[in-house]
Structure formats: C-alpha cells, structure tokens
Amino acid sequence: TVPLDKQMWGDVFGMCTDRFGVTWMVNIAQGQSQG
C-alpha cells in the first residue's frame, strides 16, 4: 500500500490492494493550462 501523495513528477500517486487481491494504482495528473 502506498498512500496518495504528491510525487517528484508532479502528479498525485497511490497504490493499494483490494480484498480480492487486485492491486490498484492511481495516478492523478495535474491539469495543463491552455494558452
């Protein structure tokens, strides 16, 4: 298990395993401004 936390590449990342043994990796990308 890795708690959600800001990573060096700028996104928020976390990982966990559910009760069925499936590992989930979550990466929340920072939005890019349009210009």
N, C-alpha and C. Protein backbone atom coordinates (compact mmCIF):
# COMPACT_ATOMS: atom_id res chain seq x y z
N THR A 1 0.83 -1.19 0.00
CA THR A 1 0.00 0.00 0.00
C THR A 1 0.88 1.25 0.00
N VAL A 2 0.58 2.15 -0.89
CA VAL A 2 1.26 3.44 -0.97
C VAL A 2 0.17 4.51 -0.86
N PRO A 3 0.19 5.34 0.18
CA PRO A 3 -0.85 6.37 0.31
C PRO A 3 -0.75 7.42 -0.80
N LEU A 4 -1.89 8.02 -1.15
CA LEU A 4 -1.88 9.10 -2.14
C LEU A 4 -0.98 10.22 -1.65
N ASP A 5 -0.05 10.63 -2.50
CA ASP A 5 0.89 11.68 -2.13
C ASP A 5 1.45 12.29 -3.41
N LYS A 6 1.84 13.56 -3.33
CA LYS A 6 2.43 14.24 -4.49
C LYS A 6 3.81 13.64 -4.76
N GLN A 7 4.07 13.34 -6.02
CA GLN A 7 5.33 12.71 -6.41
C GLN A 7 6.24 13.72 -7.09
N MET A 8 7.51 13.31 -7.30
CA MET A 8 8.51 14.22 -7.87
C MET A 8 8.18 14.62 -9.31
N TRP A 9 7.36 13.81 -10.00
CA TRP A 9 6.99 14.17 -11.38
C TRP A 9 5.77 15.09 -11.42
N GLY A 10 5.23 15.47 -10.25
CA GLY A 10 4.18 16.48 -10.19
C GLY A 10 2.76 15.95 -10.04
N ASP A 11 2.56 14.64 -10.23
CA ASP A 11 1.24 14.06 -10.08
C ASP A 11 1.05 13.52 -8.67
N VAL A 12 -0.20 13.18 -8.34
CA VAL A 12 -0.50 12.51 -7.08
C VAL A 12 -0.64 11.03 -7.40
N PHE A 13 0.06 10.19 -6.65
CA PHE A 13 0.10 8.75 -6.93
C PHE A 13 -0.13 7.97 -5.65
N GLY A 14 -0.85 6.86 -5.77
CA GLY A 14 -1.05 5.95 -4.65
C GLY A 14 -1.35 4.55 -5.17
N MET A 15 -1.21 3.56 -4.29
CA MET A 15 -1.43 2.18 -4.70
C MET A 15 -1.99 1.40 -3.52
N CYS A 16 -2.92 0.48 -3.80
CA CYS A 16 -3.46 -0.38 -2.75
C CYS A 16 -3.94 -1.69 -3.36
N THR A 17 -4.17 -2.68 -2.51
CA THR A 17 -4.68 -3.98 -2.93
C THR A 17 -6.03 -4.19 -2.27
N ASP A 18 -7.06 -4.52 -3.08
CA ASP A 18 -8.39 -4.72 -2.51
C ASP A 18 -8.54 -6.12 -1.92
N ARG A 19 -9.70 -6.40 -1.37
CA ARG A 19 -9.91 -7.67 -0.66
C ARG A 19 -9.91 -8.88 -1.58
N PHE A 20 -9.97 -8.66 -2.89
CA PHE A 20 -9.93 -9.75 -3.85
C PHE A 20 -8.52 -10.01 -4.37
N GLY A 21 -7.56 -9.24 -3.88
CA GLY A 21 -6.18 -9.41 -4.31
C GLY A 21 -5.80 -8.61 -5.54
N VAL A 22 -6.68 -7.71 -5.98
CA VAL A 22 -6.40 -6.88 -7.15
C VAL A 22 -5.65 -5.64 -6.69
N THR A 23 -4.50 -5.38 -7.32
CA THR A 23 -3.71 -4.20 -6.99
C THR A 23 -4.16 -3.04 -7.87
N TRP A 24 -4.43 -1.91 -7.23
CA TRP A 24 -4.88 -0.70 -7.92
C TRP A 24 -3.78 0.36 -7.80
N MET A 25 -3.44 0.97 -8.94
CA MET A 25 -2.51 2.09 -8.96
C MET A 25 -3.29 3.30 -9.46
N VAL A 26 -3.26 4.38 -8.69
CA VAL A 26 -3.99 5.59 -9.04
C VAL A 26 -2.98 6.70 -9.28
N ASN A 27 -3.08 7.34 -10.44
CA ASN A 27 -2.23 8.47 -10.77
C ASN A 27 -3.14 9.63 -11.18
N ILE A 28 -3.10 10.71 -10.44
CA ILE A 28 -3.92 11.88 -10.73
C ILE A 28 -3.01 12.94 -11.33
N ALA A 29 -3.18 13.16 -12.63
CA ALA A 29 -2.33 14.11 -13.35
C ALA A 29 -2.79 15.54 -13.09
N GLN A 30 -1.81 16.41 -12.97
CA GLN A 30 -2.10 17.82 -12.80
C GLN A 30 -2.57 18.36 -14.13
N GLY A 31 -3.65 19.14 -14.11
CA GLY A 31 -4.19 19.70 -15.34
C GLY A 31 -3.24 20.70 -15.97
N GLN A 32 -3.26 20.76 -17.30
CA GLN A 32 -2.42 21.70 -18.02
C GLN A 32 -3.27 22.89 -18.43
N SER A 33 -2.71 24.08 -18.26
CA SER A 33 -3.45 25.27 -18.67
C SER A 33 -3.35 25.43 -20.18
N GLN A 34 -4.44 25.88 -20.79
CA GLN A 34 -4.45 26.09 -22.23
C GLN A 34 -4.17 27.55 -22.50
N GLY A 35 -3.32 27.82 -23.47
CA GLY A 35 -2.99 29.20 -23.72
C GLY A 35 -2.71 29.42 -25.12
